[in-house]
Amino acid sequence: MNWFAGLLQNPFFITATVSWLIAQVLKTIIHSIINKKFDYRRLFGDGGMPSGHSATVTSLGMLASLVYGTASFEFAVCAILAIIVCHDAMGVRLETGKQAVVLNELIEMIEHMSKTDILPEVKLKEFVGHTPMQVMAGILLGIINAVIMYNILY
């Protein structure tokens, strides 16, 4: 069996990927409703509600707990990974997004005052992190999806 066929038969890969996909679709829908316009880039973008990162790693950890138990090595690895990813999404990545907003505004102001494009190709990504609510929504989504997928796949 080749590596790709193995991935498609791996319940952990399938569950995590489905969690990410659901989160990205929900994020795009929510963004479209709030901004009253569809932006396909949200399907693959970072930031927003719910957190795709949190949904992905949480579903992986939840499935590991259901299959191997909470005393297992597999669950421990997934749980630590989930804690790190969720913490990072609310911490460093959220602050990076806030800094990007300020820097983009500063560059725009300087360019407006000087009437030249100082850095025309530079536009920093502002959607990179998550609020605690967005991370919690991703965690909840990941748990629910893992339970559903466990009942389907096992």
Protein backbone atom coordinates (compact mmCIF):
# COMPACT_ATOMS: atom_id res chain seq x y z
CA MET A 1 0.00 0.00 0.00
CA ASN A 2 1.42 3.41 -0.89
CA TRP A 3 1.58 6.28 1.58
CA PHE A 4 -1.38 8.17 0.07
CA ALA A 5 -3.70 5.16 0.26
CA GLY A 6 -2.56 4.72 3.86
CA LEU A 7 -3.56 8.30 4.69
CA LEU A 8 -7.00 7.79 3.19
CA GLN A 9 -7.49 4.73 5.42
CA ASN A 10 -6.13 6.36 8.58
CA PRO A 11 -9.03 7.32 10.86
CA PHE A 12 -6.88 9.87 12.71
CA PHE A 13 -5.88 11.64 9.50
CA ILE A 14 -9.46 11.54 8.21
CA THR A 15 -10.93 12.88 11.47
CA ALA A 16 -8.41 15.72 11.79
CA THR A 17 -8.82 16.68 8.12
CA VAL A 18 -12.62 16.67 8.34
CA SER A 19 -12.44 18.86 11.47
CA TRP A 20 -10.19 21.33 9.67
CA LEU A 21 -12.48 21.33 6.61
CA ILE A 22 -15.64 21.93 8.67
CA ALA A 23 -13.94 24.75 10.57
CA GLN A 24 -12.75 26.42 7.37
CA VAL A 25 -16.20 26.21 5.75
CA LEU A 26 -17.87 27.59 8.90
CA LYS A 27 -15.25 30.34 9.10
CA THR A 28 -15.94 31.33 5.49
CA ILE A 29 -19.72 31.36 6.03
CA ILE A 30 -19.46 33.40 9.24
CA HIS A 31 -17.04 35.85 7.59
CA SER A 32 -19.40 36.21 4.61
CA ILE A 33 -22.41 36.91 6.85
CA ILE A 34 -20.56 39.47 8.98
CA ASN A 35 -18.92 41.27 6.03
CA LYS A 36 -21.83 40.73 3.60
CA LYS A 37 -19.51 39.43 0.89
CA PHE A 38 -17.94 36.09 0.04
CA ASP A 39 -14.16 35.81 0.23
CA TYR A 40 -12.91 32.40 -0.97
CA ARG A 41 -9.49 33.07 0.63
CA ARG A 42 -11.08 32.49 4.05
CA LEU A 43 -11.40 28.79 3.08
CA PHE A 44 -7.61 28.48 3.37
CA GLY A 45 -6.80 31.44 5.61
CA ASP A 46 -5.77 31.66 9.23
CA GLY A 47 -7.66 33.43 11.99
CA GLY A 48 -11.40 33.77 12.33
CA MET A 49 -14.26 31.85 13.91
CA PRO A 50 -13.90 28.96 14.65
CA SER A 51 -10.22 28.13 14.91
CA GLY A 52 -9.33 25.47 12.36
CA HIS A 53 -6.06 24.79 14.13
CA SER A 54 -7.83 24.13 17.43
CA ALA A 55 -10.50 21.97 15.79
CA THR A 56 -7.87 19.87 14.01
CA VAL A 57 -5.61 19.11 16.96
CA THR A 58 -8.46 18.70 19.43
CA SER A 59 -10.20 16.15 17.22
CA LEU A 60 -6.94 14.25 16.97
CA GLY A 61 -6.56 14.19 20.76
CA MET A 62 -10.19 13.31 21.37
CA LEU A 63 -10.06 10.42 18.90
CA ALA A 64 -6.84 9.17 20.53
CA SER A 65 -8.56 9.23 23.93
CA LEU A 66 -11.53 7.26 22.57
CA VAL A 67 -9.40 4.67 20.76
CA TYR A 68 -6.40 4.25 23.09
CA GLY A 69 -7.56 5.78 26.39
CA THR A 70 -6.28 8.78 28.29
CA ALA A 71 -3.42 6.79 29.86
CA SER A 72 -1.89 6.05 26.45
CA PHE A 73 1.23 7.45 24.84
CA GLU A 74 -0.83 8.34 21.74
CA PHE A 75 -3.26 10.47 23.73
CA ALA A 76 -0.45 12.18 25.66
CA VAL A 77 1.31 13.24 22.45
CA CYS A 78 -1.93 14.53 20.91
CA ALA A 79 -3.00 16.34 24.09
CA ILE A 80 0.34 18.14 24.47
CA LEU A 81 0.28 19.08 20.78
CA ALA A 82 -3.28 20.44 21.16
CA ILE A 83 -2.34 22.50 24.22
CA ILE A 84 0.66 24.03 22.43
CA VAL A 85 -1.29 24.81 19.23
CA CYS A 86 -4.27 26.32 21.06
CA HIS A 87 -2.05 28.39 23.34
CA ASP A 88 0.00 29.62 20.39
CA ALA A 89 -3.14 30.58 18.43
CA MET A 90 -4.34 32.80 21.30
CA GLY A 91 -0.91 34.12 22.20
CA VAL A 92 1.87 34.82 19.74
CA ARG A 93 -0.26 34.50 16.59
CA LEU A 94 -3.02 36.76 17.95
CA GLU A 95 -0.49 39.43 18.89
CA THR A 96 1.18 39.10 15.47
CA GLY A 97 -2.16 39.86 13.82
CA LYS A 98 -2.69 42.93 16.02
CA GLN A 99 0.80 44.17 15.13
CA ALA A 100 0.11 43.59 11.42
CA VAL A 101 -2.97 45.84 11.62
CA VAL A 102 -0.94 48.66 13.19
CA LEU A 103 1.95 48.27 10.74
CA ASN A 104 -0.36 48.19 7.72
CA GLU A 105 -2.08 51.38 8.93
CA LEU A 106 1.29 53.03 9.55
CA ILE A 107 2.57 52.15 6.06
CA GLU A 108 -0.70 53.39 4.51
CA MET A 109 -0.46 56.67 6.46
CA ILE A 110 3.17 57.24 5.43
CA GLU A 111 2.37 56.48 1.80
CA HIS A 112 -0.61 58.85 1.89
CA MET A 113 1.50 61.64 3.37
CA SER A 114 4.39 61.13 0.94
CA LYS A 115 2.07 60.42 -2.02
CA THR A 116 4.24 57.46 -3.05
CA ASP A 117 4.05 53.72 -2.71
CA ILE A 118 6.92 53.07 -0.31
CA LEU A 119 6.21 49.36 -0.02
CA PRO A 120 3.54 48.59 -2.64
CA GLU A 121 4.01 44.83 -2.47
CA VAL A 122 3.90 44.64 1.32
CA LYS A 123 0.59 43.98 3.02
CA LEU A 124 0.98 41.99 6.20
CA LYS A 125 -1.55 39.24 6.97
CA GLU A 126 -3.87 40.44 9.72
CA PHE A 127 -5.87 37.23 10.21
CA VAL A 128 -3.28 34.97 11.83
CA GLY A 129 -4.40 34.39 15.41
CA HIS A 130 -7.54 33.68 17.38
CA THR A 131 -9.44 35.10 20.32
CA PRO A 132 -10.14 32.74 23.22
CA MET A 133 -13.77 32.42 22.00
CA GLN A 134 -12.60 31.36 18.52
CA VAL A 135 -10.25 28.77 20.03
CA MET A 136 -12.98 27.45 22.34
CA ALA A 137 -15.35 27.12 19.36
CA GLY A 138 -12.63 25.17 17.51
CA ILE A 139 -12.06 22.92 20.51
CA LEU A 140 -15.79 22.20 20.81
CA LEU A 141 -16.03 21.52 17.07
CA GLY A 142 -13.04 19.14 17.28
CA ILE A 143 -14.52 17.20 20.20
CA ILE A 144 -17.94 16.84 18.55
CA ASN A 145 -16.46 15.80 15.22
CA ALA A 146 -14.14 13.25 16.85
CA VAL A 147 -17.05 11.62 18.67
CA ILE A 148 -19.10 11.49 15.46
CA MET A 149 -16.18 10.14 13.41
CA TYR A 150 -15.40 7.55 16.10
CA ASN A 151 -18.96 6.27 15.88
CA ILE A 152 -18.73 6.14 12.08
CA LEU A 153 -15.24 4.67 11.73
CA TYR A 154 -15.10 2.27 14.68
